[in-house]
C-alpha cells in the first residue's frame, strides 16, 4: 500500500519554506533562479505554500503581494544579502572574526526574510474569500509555474524545481488556465 505524502497544510509559511529549502538541491536551484532570473525565493515558496492550502494564485494577487514586499526586500533583505556575499568575495572564509560578522549578517538577513514571509502570510488572511480560487482541482505546481513564467524561467527549469519540491511536474499545466 502506498504511503500518503505528509500534510504540510498546517505549517506556517516560514516553516514550510525551511522544510522545502532543506531538500536536496532545492537551495542551489533557488539561488540560481534568484541570481539569474531575479526570482524572489520567499515569494516562490509563498506560491507553493498557497497551493498547499488549495489556493490558485491570480495575477492581481501576485502583483499585490509583490508590491507589498518590494520596499522591504529592496531596502533590507537584498542589501544584507549583498553585504554578506561581498564580504565573502573580498575576505574569503579563513578569518574567524570576519566569518563571525558574516554569520551575524546572515542571521539579520534571515530575520528580514522571516518578516517578509509574515507579511505575505498575513496578506493571505486579509483576502478572506475575495478573489482567490480555493480549489484542490488545480494541477500540482500551478502557482510556482505561474510565478516563474512571469520571469521567463524555462519550463525545463520549472519542471526540475517542481520535481525537487515534490510536485508531479509531468501533470503540471504548461499555461495558466
N, C-alpha and C. Protein backbone atom coordinates (compact mmCIF):
# COMPACT_ATOMS: atom_id res chain seq x y z
N UNK A 1 0.85 -1.18 0.00
CA UNK A 1 0.00 0.00 0.00
C UNK A 1 0.90 1.24 0.00
N UNK A 2 0.66 2.21 -0.93
CA UNK A 2 1.49 3.41 -0.97
C UNK A 2 1.29 4.27 0.26
N UNK A 3 2.35 4.93 0.65
CA UNK A 3 2.30 5.83 1.80
C UNK A 3 1.86 7.20 1.32
N UNK A 4 0.87 7.79 2.00
CA UNK A 4 0.39 9.12 1.64
C UNK A 4 1.45 10.15 1.99
N UNK A 5 1.60 11.17 1.14
CA UNK A 5 2.57 12.22 1.46
C UNK A 5 2.14 12.96 2.73
N UNK A 6 3.11 13.50 3.48
CA UNK A 6 2.74 14.22 4.71
C UNK A 6 1.94 15.46 4.38
N UNK A 7 1.04 15.82 5.27
CA UNK A 7 0.22 17.02 5.10
C UNK A 7 0.94 18.20 5.73
N UNK A 8 1.38 19.13 4.88
CA UNK A 8 2.10 20.30 5.37
C UNK A 8 1.21 21.53 5.40
N UNK A 9 -0.10 21.34 5.26
CA UNK A 9 -1.00 22.48 5.17
C UNK A 9 -1.13 23.27 6.47
N UNK A 10 -0.73 22.70 7.59
CA UNK A 10 -0.82 23.41 8.86
C UNK A 10 0.44 24.21 9.17
N UNK A 11 1.48 24.06 8.36
CA UNK A 11 2.73 24.77 8.62
C UNK A 11 2.61 26.25 8.30
N UNK A 12 3.31 27.06 9.08
CA UNK A 12 3.43 28.47 8.73
C UNK A 12 4.23 28.56 7.43
N UNK A 13 4.15 29.70 6.77
CA UNK A 13 4.93 29.90 5.55
C UNK A 13 6.42 29.72 5.84
N UNK A 14 6.90 30.26 6.95
CA UNK A 14 8.31 30.15 7.30
C UNK A 14 8.73 28.70 7.48
N UNK A 15 7.96 27.94 8.24
CA UNK A 15 8.29 26.52 8.47
C UNK A 15 8.19 25.72 7.18
N UNK A 16 7.19 26.01 6.36
CA UNK A 16 7.04 25.36 5.06
C UNK A 16 8.28 25.64 4.21
N UNK A 17 8.73 26.89 4.19
CA UNK A 17 9.90 27.27 3.40
C UNK A 17 11.16 26.57 3.89
N UNK A 18 11.37 26.56 5.19
CA UNK A 18 12.55 25.90 5.75
C UNK A 18 12.55 24.41 5.40
N UNK A 19 11.40 23.78 5.51
CA UNK A 19 11.28 22.35 5.21
C UNK A 19 11.65 22.06 3.75
N UNK A 20 11.12 22.84 2.83
CA UNK A 20 11.37 22.60 1.42
C UNK A 20 12.76 23.07 0.98
N UNK A 21 13.24 24.15 1.55
CA UNK A 21 14.56 24.67 1.20
C UNK A 21 15.65 23.67 1.58
N UNK A 22 15.39 22.88 2.61
CA UNK A 22 16.37 21.90 3.08
C UNK A 22 16.44 20.65 2.21
N UNK A 23 15.50 20.49 1.29
CA UNK A 23 15.52 19.31 0.42
C UNK A 23 16.74 19.35 -0.49
N UNK A 24 17.19 18.19 -0.87
CA UNK A 24 18.37 18.06 -1.72
C UNK A 24 18.22 18.88 -2.99
N UNK A 25 19.23 19.69 -3.26
CA UNK A 25 19.36 20.51 -4.48
C UNK A 25 18.40 21.69 -4.58
N UNK A 26 17.43 21.82 -3.67
CA UNK A 26 16.47 22.92 -3.75
C UNK A 26 17.16 24.26 -3.53
N UNK A 27 18.00 24.35 -2.50
CA UNK A 27 18.67 25.62 -2.21
C UNK A 27 19.52 26.08 -3.39
N UNK A 28 20.28 25.17 -3.97
CA UNK A 28 21.13 25.53 -5.10
C UNK A 28 20.32 26.05 -6.28
N UNK A 29 19.23 25.37 -6.58
CA UNK A 29 18.40 25.80 -7.71
C UNK A 29 17.70 27.12 -7.39
N UNK A 30 17.23 27.29 -6.18
CA UNK A 30 16.59 28.55 -5.79
C UNK A 30 17.57 29.72 -5.90
N UNK A 31 18.79 29.52 -5.43
CA UNK A 31 19.79 30.60 -5.52
C UNK A 31 20.14 30.90 -6.97
N UNK A 32 20.19 29.87 -7.80
CA UNK A 32 20.44 30.09 -9.23
C UNK A 32 19.30 30.89 -9.85
N UNK A 33 18.07 30.55 -9.52
CA UNK A 33 16.91 31.29 -10.03
C UNK A 33 16.93 32.73 -9.54
N UNK A 34 17.32 32.91 -8.30
CA UNK A 34 17.43 34.26 -7.72
C UNK A 34 18.47 35.09 -8.47
N UNK A 35 19.63 34.52 -8.68
CA UNK A 35 20.74 35.25 -9.30
C UNK A 35 20.56 35.45 -10.80
N UNK A 36 20.00 34.45 -11.48
CA UNK A 36 19.91 34.51 -12.94
C UNK A 36 18.60 35.09 -13.47
N UNK A 37 17.54 35.02 -12.66
CA UNK A 37 16.22 35.44 -13.15
C UNK A 37 15.54 36.47 -12.25
N UNK A 38 16.16 36.83 -11.14
CA UNK A 38 15.54 37.79 -10.23
C UNK A 38 14.38 37.21 -9.44
N UNK A 39 14.36 35.90 -9.28
CA UNK A 39 13.28 35.24 -8.53
C UNK A 39 13.41 35.62 -7.06
N UNK A 40 12.30 36.00 -6.47
CA UNK A 40 12.24 36.23 -5.04
C UNK A 40 11.89 34.88 -4.41
N UNK A 41 12.86 34.26 -3.76
CA UNK A 41 12.68 32.91 -3.23
C UNK A 41 11.58 32.88 -2.18
N UNK A 42 11.43 33.94 -1.41
CA UNK A 42 10.34 33.99 -0.43
C UNK A 42 8.99 33.97 -1.13
N UNK A 43 8.87 34.71 -2.20
CA UNK A 43 7.63 34.72 -2.98
C UNK A 43 7.40 33.37 -3.66
N UNK A 44 8.46 32.75 -4.10
CA UNK A 44 8.37 31.43 -4.71
C UNK A 44 7.78 30.42 -3.73
N UNK A 45 8.30 30.41 -2.51
CA UNK A 45 7.77 29.48 -1.50
C UNK A 45 6.36 29.86 -1.08
N UNK A 46 6.04 31.13 -1.09
CA UNK A 46 4.68 31.58 -0.80
C UNK A 46 3.71 31.00 -1.83
N UNK A 47 4.11 31.02 -3.10
CA UNK A 47 3.27 30.44 -4.15
C UNK A 47 3.01 28.95 -3.89
N UNK A 48 4.05 28.24 -3.53
CA UNK A 48 3.91 26.80 -3.24
C UNK A 48 3.07 26.58 -1.98
N UNK A 49 3.28 27.42 -0.99
CA UNK A 49 2.54 27.33 0.28
C UNK A 49 1.05 27.58 0.04
N UNK A 50 0.72 28.56 -0.78
CA UNK A 50 -0.68 28.83 -1.11
C UNK A 50 -1.32 27.61 -1.76
N UNK A 51 -0.60 27.04 -2.68
CA UNK A 51 -1.12 25.87 -3.38
C UNK A 51 -1.37 24.72 -2.41
N UNK A 52 -0.48 24.56 -1.45
CA UNK A 52 -0.64 23.51 -0.44
C UNK A 52 -1.96 23.68 0.30
N UNK A 53 -2.44 24.90 0.36
CA UNK A 53 -3.70 25.21 1.02
C UNK A 53 -4.88 25.21 0.06
N UNK A 54 -4.62 24.80 -1.19
CA UNK A 54 -5.70 24.71 -2.16
C UNK A 54 -6.05 26.02 -2.84
N UNK A 55 -5.15 27.00 -2.78
CA UNK A 55 -5.40 28.31 -3.39
C UNK A 55 -4.63 28.46 -4.69
N UNK A 56 -5.34 28.81 -5.74
CA UNK A 56 -4.71 29.07 -7.02
C UNK A 56 -4.56 30.57 -7.18
N UNK A 57 -3.34 31.00 -7.35
CA UNK A 57 -2.99 32.42 -7.40
C UNK A 57 -3.36 33.03 -8.74
N UNK A 58 -3.85 34.28 -8.71
CA UNK A 58 -4.11 35.01 -9.95
C UNK A 58 -3.16 36.20 -10.04
N UNK A 59 -3.13 36.84 -11.19
CA UNK A 59 -2.17 37.90 -11.45
C UNK A 59 -2.37 39.10 -10.50
N UNK A 60 -3.60 39.42 -10.19
CA UNK A 60 -3.87 40.55 -9.29
C UNK A 60 -3.30 40.34 -7.90
N UNK A 61 -3.51 39.15 -7.36
CA UNK A 61 -2.99 38.86 -6.02
C UNK A 61 -1.47 38.74 -6.03
N UNK A 62 -0.92 38.18 -7.10
CA UNK A 62 0.54 38.09 -7.21
C UNK A 62 1.15 39.48 -7.25
N UNK A 63 0.61 40.36 -8.09
CA UNK A 63 1.14 41.72 -8.21
C UNK A 63 1.00 42.49 -6.90
N UNK A 64 -0.12 42.32 -6.22
CA UNK A 64 -0.33 43.00 -4.94
C UNK A 64 0.67 42.53 -3.89
N UNK A 65 0.93 41.22 -3.87
CA UNK A 65 1.91 40.68 -2.93
C UNK A 65 3.30 41.21 -3.25
N UNK A 66 3.65 41.25 -4.54
CA UNK A 66 4.96 41.78 -4.94
C UNK A 66 5.10 43.24 -4.51
N UNK A 67 4.04 44.00 -4.70
CA UNK A 67 4.06 45.42 -4.31
C UNK A 67 4.21 45.55 -2.79
N UNK A 68 3.52 44.69 -2.05
CA UNK A 68 3.54 44.74 -0.58
C UNK A 68 4.95 44.53 -0.02
N UNK A 69 5.73 43.64 -0.63
CA UNK A 69 7.03 43.28 -0.06
C UNK A 69 8.20 43.98 -0.74
N UNK A 70 7.95 44.66 -1.84
CA UNK A 70 9.03 45.22 -2.66
C UNK A 70 9.98 46.12 -1.85
N UNK A 71 9.45 47.09 -1.15
CA UNK A 71 10.29 48.05 -0.44
C UNK A 71 11.16 47.37 0.62
N UNK A 72 10.54 46.49 1.40
CA UNK A 72 11.29 45.77 2.45
C UNK A 72 12.39 44.93 1.83
N UNK A 73 12.06 44.21 0.77
CA UNK A 73 13.03 43.36 0.10
C UNK A 73 14.18 44.20 -0.47
N UNK A 74 13.82 45.28 -1.16
CA UNK A 74 14.82 46.12 -1.82
C UNK A 74 15.72 46.86 -0.83
N UNK A 75 15.16 47.32 0.28
CA UNK A 75 15.93 48.16 1.20
C UNK A 75 16.60 47.40 2.35
N UNK A 76 16.16 46.16 2.60
CA UNK A 76 16.72 45.44 3.75
C UNK A 76 17.23 44.04 3.40
N UNK A 77 16.39 43.20 2.82
CA UNK A 77 16.80 41.82 2.54
C UNK A 77 17.94 41.79 1.53
N UNK A 78 17.75 42.40 0.39
CA UNK A 78 18.77 42.36 -0.67
C UNK A 78 20.08 43.02 -0.23
N UNK A 79 20.06 44.21 0.40
CA UNK A 79 21.34 44.78 0.84
C UNK A 79 22.09 43.92 1.86
N UNK A 80 21.37 43.26 2.76
CA UNK A 80 22.04 42.36 3.70
C UNK A 80 22.67 41.19 2.96
N UNK A 81 21.96 40.63 1.99
CA UNK A 81 22.49 39.53 1.19
C UNK A 81 23.73 39.97 0.42
N UNK A 82 23.65 41.14 -0.20
CA UNK A 82 24.78 41.65 -0.97
C UNK A 82 25.99 41.92 -0.09
N UNK A 83 25.77 42.47 1.10
CA UNK A 83 26.86 42.72 2.03
C UNK A 83 27.52 41.41 2.45
N UNK A 84 26.71 40.43 2.80
CA UNK A 84 27.24 39.13 3.21
C UNK A 84 28.06 38.49 2.09
N UNK A 85 27.54 38.53 0.90
CA UNK A 85 28.24 37.93 -0.24
C UNK A 85 29.52 38.71 -0.59
N UNK A 86 29.44 40.02 -0.53
CA UNK A 86 30.62 40.84 -0.84
C UNK A 86 31.75 40.58 0.15
N UNK A 87 31.39 40.41 1.42
CA UNK A 87 32.41 40.11 2.43
C UNK A 87 33.11 38.78 2.12
N UNK A 88 32.35 37.81 1.66
CA UNK A 88 32.93 36.50 1.34
C UNK A 88 33.90 36.63 0.16
N UNK A 89 33.52 37.41 -0.85
CA UNK A 89 34.39 37.60 -2.02
C UNK A 89 35.65 38.37 -1.62
N UNK A 90 35.49 39.43 -0.85
CA UNK A 90 36.63 40.29 -0.50
C UNK A 90 37.56 39.68 0.53
N UNK A 91 37.01 38.91 1.48
CA UNK A 91 37.82 38.43 2.59
C UNK A 91 37.94 36.91 2.67
N UNK A 92 37.20 36.19 1.83
CA UNK A 92 37.24 34.74 1.90
C UNK A 92 36.55 34.24 3.15
N UNK A 93 36.87 33.03 3.53
CA UNK A 93 36.22 32.42 4.70
C UNK A 93 37.22 31.98 5.77
N UNK A 94 38.49 32.34 5.60
CA UNK A 94 39.53 31.86 6.52
C UNK A 94 39.58 32.63 7.82
N UNK A 95 39.22 33.90 7.81
CA UNK A 95 39.31 34.73 9.00
C UNK A 95 38.09 34.49 9.90
N UNK A 96 38.33 33.94 11.08
CA UNK A 96 37.26 33.58 12.00
C UNK A 96 36.44 34.80 12.41
N UNK A 97 37.10 35.92 12.65
CA UNK A 97 36.40 37.14 13.05
C UNK A 97 35.46 37.64 11.98
N UNK A 98 35.92 37.64 10.74
CA UNK A 98 35.08 38.10 9.63
C UNK A 98 33.93 37.12 9.41
N UNK A 99 34.20 35.84 9.58
CA UNK A 99 33.13 34.84 9.43
C UNK A 99 32.05 35.02 10.50
N UNK A 100 32.48 35.44 11.69
CA UNK A 100 31.51 35.72 12.74
C UNK A 100 30.61 36.90 12.34
N UNK A 101 31.22 37.93 11.77
CA UNK A 101 30.44 39.08 11.30
C UNK A 101 29.49 38.64 10.19
N UNK A 102 30.01 37.86 9.23
CA UNK A 102 29.15 37.38 8.14
C UNK A 102 28.00 36.53 8.67
N UNK A 103 28.27 35.74 9.68
CA UNK A 103 27.23 34.91 10.28
C UNK A 103 26.13 35.77 10.90
N UNK A 104 26.54 36.85 11.56
CA UNK A 104 25.56 37.75 12.16
C UNK A 104 24.74 38.47 11.09
N UNK A 105 25.37 38.83 10.00
CA UNK A 105 24.66 39.46 8.88
C UNK A 105 23.66 38.47 8.28
N UNK A 106 24.09 37.21 8.17
CA UNK A 106 23.18 36.18 7.64
C UNK A 106 21.97 36.02 8.55
N UNK A 107 22.19 36.06 9.85
CA UNK A 107 21.07 35.95 10.79
C UNK A 107 20.11 37.13 10.62
N UNK A 108 20.66 38.33 10.44
CA UNK A 108 19.83 39.50 10.20
C UNK A 108 19.05 39.36 8.89
N UNK A 109 19.72 38.84 7.87
CA UNK A 109 19.07 38.60 6.57
C UNK A 109 17.92 37.61 6.72
N UNK A 110 18.14 36.53 7.45
CA UNK A 110 17.09 35.53 7.67
C UNK A 110 15.92 36.11 8.45
N UNK A 111 16.21 36.93 9.44
CA UNK A 111 15.13 37.58 10.20
C UNK A 111 14.34 38.54 9.32
N UNK A 112 15.03 39.24 8.43
CA UNK A 112 14.35 40.14 7.49
C UNK A 112 13.47 39.34 6.54
N UNK A 113 13.96 38.18 6.09
CA UNK A 113 13.16 37.32 5.22
C UNK A 113 11.96 36.75 5.97
N UNK A 114 12.16 36.41 7.22
CA UNK A 114 11.05 35.89 8.03
C UNK A 114 9.97 36.96 8.18
N UNK A 115 10.37 38.20 8.40
CA UNK A 115 9.40 39.29 8.50
C UNK A 115 8.63 39.44 7.19
N UNK A 116 9.33 39.37 6.08
CA UNK A 116 8.70 39.45 4.77
C UNK A 116 7.66 38.33 4.62
N UNK A 117 8.02 37.13 5.04
CA UNK A 117 7.10 36.00 4.93
C UNK A 117 5.90 36.15 5.86
N UNK A 118 6.12 36.76 7.02
CA UNK A 118 4.99 37.02 7.92
C UNK A 118 3.99 37.97 7.26
N UNK A 119 4.50 38.96 6.54
CA UNK A 119 3.62 39.88 5.81
C UNK A 119 2.86 39.15 4.72
N UNK A 120 3.55 38.28 3.99
CA UNK A 120 2.87 37.52 2.94
C UNK A 120 1.78 36.62 3.53
N UNK A 121 2.10 36.00 4.64
CA UNK A 121 1.12 35.13 5.29
C UNK A 121 -0.09 35.92 5.78
N UNK A 122 0.15 37.07 6.39
CA UNK A 122 -0.96 37.89 6.88
C UNK A 122 -1.75 38.50 5.72
N UNK A 123 -1.06 38.74 4.62
CA UNK A 123 -1.72 39.26 3.43
C UNK A 123 -2.79 38.29 2.95
N UNK A 124 -2.50 37.01 2.98
CA UNK A 124 -3.45 35.99 2.57
C UNK A 124 -4.65 35.97 3.50
N UNK A 125 -4.42 36.12 4.79
CA UNK A 125 -5.51 36.12 5.75
C UNK A 125 -6.46 37.28 5.50
N UNK A 126 -5.94 38.39 5.00
CA UNK A 126 -6.77 39.56 4.71
C UNK A 126 -7.65 39.35 3.49
N UNK A 127 -7.29 38.40 2.62
CA UNK A 127 -8.10 38.15 1.43
C UNK A 127 -9.46 37.57 1.78
N UNK A 128 -9.48 36.73 2.80
CA UNK A 128 -10.72 36.02 3.09
C UNK A 128 -11.13 35.19 1.89
N UNK A 129 -12.35 35.37 1.48
CA UNK A 129 -12.87 34.63 0.32
C UNK A 129 -12.96 35.52 -0.91
N UNK A 130 -12.23 36.63 -0.91
CA UNK A 130 -12.36 37.58 -2.00
C UNK A 130 -11.34 37.33 -3.10
N UNK A 131 -11.78 36.81 -4.20
CA UNK A 131 -11.00 36.81 -5.42
C UNK A 131 -10.06 35.65 -5.68
N UNK A 132 -9.57 34.98 -4.70
CA UNK A 132 -8.62 33.90 -4.98
C UNK A 132 -9.38 32.58 -5.04
N UNK A 133 -9.03 31.77 -5.99
CA UNK A 133 -9.69 30.49 -6.16
C UNK A 133 -9.19 29.53 -5.09
N UNK A 134 -10.10 28.96 -4.38
CA UNK A 134 -9.75 27.98 -3.37
C UNK A 134 -10.26 26.63 -3.85
N UNK A 135 -9.37 25.91 -4.50
CA UNK A 135 -9.76 24.65 -5.08
C UNK A 135 -8.60 23.67 -5.05
N UNK A 136 -8.91 22.44 -4.92
CA UNK A 136 -7.88 21.42 -4.96
C UNK A 136 -7.81 20.76 -6.33
N UNK A 137 -8.53 21.31 -7.31
CA UNK A 137 -8.56 20.70 -8.63
C UNK A 137 -7.47 21.23 -9.57
N UNK A 138 -6.72 22.23 -9.13
CA UNK A 138 -5.64 22.76 -9.97
C UNK A 138 -4.50 21.75 -10.03
N UNK A 139 -3.80 21.72 -11.16
CA UNK A 139 -2.68 20.78 -11.27
C UNK A 139 -1.56 21.14 -10.30
N UNK A 140 -0.82 20.16 -9.80
CA UNK A 140 0.28 20.43 -8.88
C UNK A 140 1.30 21.39 -9.51
N UNK A 141 1.76 22.33 -8.72
CA UNK A 141 2.79 23.25 -9.18
C UNK A 141 2.26 24.45 -9.94
N UNK A 142 0.95 24.62 -10.03
CA UNK A 142 0.38 25.68 -10.86
C UNK A 142 0.81 27.08 -10.41
N UNK A 143 0.86 27.34 -9.11
CA UNK A 143 1.25 28.66 -8.62
C UNK A 143 2.73 28.95 -8.86
N UNK A 144 3.56 27.97 -8.59
CA UNK A 144 5.01 28.13 -8.80
C UNK A 144 5.28 28.36 -10.28
N UNK A 145 4.66 27.55 -11.12
CA UNK A 145 4.83 27.71 -12.57
C UNK A 145 4.35 29.10 -13.02
N UNK A 146 3.21 29.53 -12.52
CA UNK A 146 2.65 30.83 -12.88
C UNK A 146 3.62 31.95 -12.53
N UNK A 147 4.15 31.94 -11.31
CA UNK A 147 5.09 32.97 -10.88
C UNK A 147 6.37 32.95 -11.72
N UNK A 148 6.95 31.77 -11.90
CA UNK A 148 8.22 31.68 -12.62
C UNK A 148 8.08 32.00 -14.11
N UNK A 149 6.92 31.71 -14.68
CA UNK A 149 6.70 32.09 -16.08
C UNK A 149 6.67 33.61 -16.25
N UNK A 150 6.25 34.33 -15.21
CA UNK A 150 6.25 35.79 -15.26
C UNK A 150 7.67 36.33 -15.41
N UNK A 151 8.65 35.54 -14.96
CA UNK A 151 10.06 35.93 -15.00
C UNK A 151 10.82 35.23 -16.14
N UNK A 152 10.08 34.59 -17.03
CA UNK A 152 10.63 33.93 -18.22
C UNK A 152 11.62 32.81 -17.88
N UNK A 153 11.34 32.11 -16.80
CA UNK A 153 12.14 30.94 -16.46
C UNK A 153 11.73 29.80 -17.39
N UNK A 154 12.71 29.09 -17.93
CA UNK A 154 12.45 27.99 -18.87
C UNK A 154 11.61 26.90 -18.21
N UNK A 155 10.70 26.34 -18.99
CA UNK A 155 9.85 25.26 -18.49
C UNK A 155 10.65 24.10 -17.93
N UNK A 156 11.78 23.80 -18.55
CA UNK A 156 12.60 22.68 -18.07
C UNK A 156 13.12 22.94 -16.65
N UNK A 157 13.46 24.18 -16.36
CA UNK A 157 13.95 24.55 -15.02
C UNK A 157 12.80 24.52 -14.03
N UNK A 158 11.64 25.02 -14.45
CA UNK A 158 10.46 24.99 -13.58
C UNK A 158 10.11 23.53 -13.24
N UNK A 159 10.13 22.69 -14.24
CA UNK A 159 9.83 21.27 -14.02
C UNK A 159 10.83 20.64 -13.06
N UNK A 160 12.11 20.99 -13.21
CA UNK A 160 13.14 20.49 -12.30
C UNK A 160 12.85 20.93 -10.87
N UNK A 161 12.51 22.20 -10.68
CA UNK A 161 12.21 22.71 -9.35
C UNK A 161 10.99 22.00 -8.76
N UNK A 162 9.94 21.87 -9.55
CA UNK A 162 8.73 21.20 -9.06
C UNK A 162 9.02 19.77 -8.65
N UNK A 163 9.87 19.11 -9.40
CA UNK A 163 10.27 17.75 -9.05
C UNK A 163 11.00 17.74 -7.69
N UNK A 164 11.91 18.69 -7.51
CA UNK A 164 12.66 18.77 -6.25
C UNK A 164 11.75 19.11 -5.07
N UNK A 165 10.72 19.91 -5.33
CA UNK A 165 9.80 20.29 -4.27
C UNK A 165 8.78 19.19 -3.96
N UNK A 166 8.73 18.19 -4.85
CA UNK A 166 7.85 17.07 -4.58
C UNK A 166 6.55 17.09 -5.33
N UNK A 167 6.36 18.06 -6.25
CA UNK A 167 5.17 18.06 -7.09
C UNK A 167 5.35 17.04 -8.19
N UNK A 168 4.29 16.74 -8.87
CA UNK A 168 4.36 15.83 -10.03
C UNK A 168 4.41 16.70 -11.28
N UNK A 169 5.61 17.08 -11.72
CA UNK A 169 5.72 18.02 -12.83
C UNK A 169 5.18 17.51 -14.14
N UNK A 170 5.06 16.20 -14.31
CA UNK A 170 4.55 15.68 -15.57
C UNK A 170 3.09 16.02 -15.77
N UNK A 171 2.38 16.35 -14.68
CA UNK A 171 0.97 16.66 -14.81
C UNK A 171 0.68 18.15 -14.64
N UNK A 172 1.71 18.97 -14.56
CA UNK A 172 1.53 20.41 -14.35
C UNK A 172 1.16 21.06 -15.67
N UNK A 173 0.17 21.90 -15.64
CA UNK A 173 -0.26 22.60 -16.85
C UNK A 173 0.85 23.50 -17.36
N UNK A 174 0.97 23.58 -18.67
CA UNK A 174 2.01 24.42 -19.28
C UNK A 174 1.59 25.88 -19.31
N UNK A 175 0.31 26.16 -19.24
CA UNK A 175 -0.15 27.54 -19.29
C UNK A 175 -1.17 27.76 -18.19
N UNK A 176 -1.37 29.01 -17.86
CA UNK A 176 -2.37 29.40 -16.87
C UNK A 176 -3.75 29.16 -17.45
N UNK A 177 -4.59 28.51 -16.70
CA UNK A 177 -5.95 28.22 -17.17
C UNK A 177 -6.85 29.36 -16.75
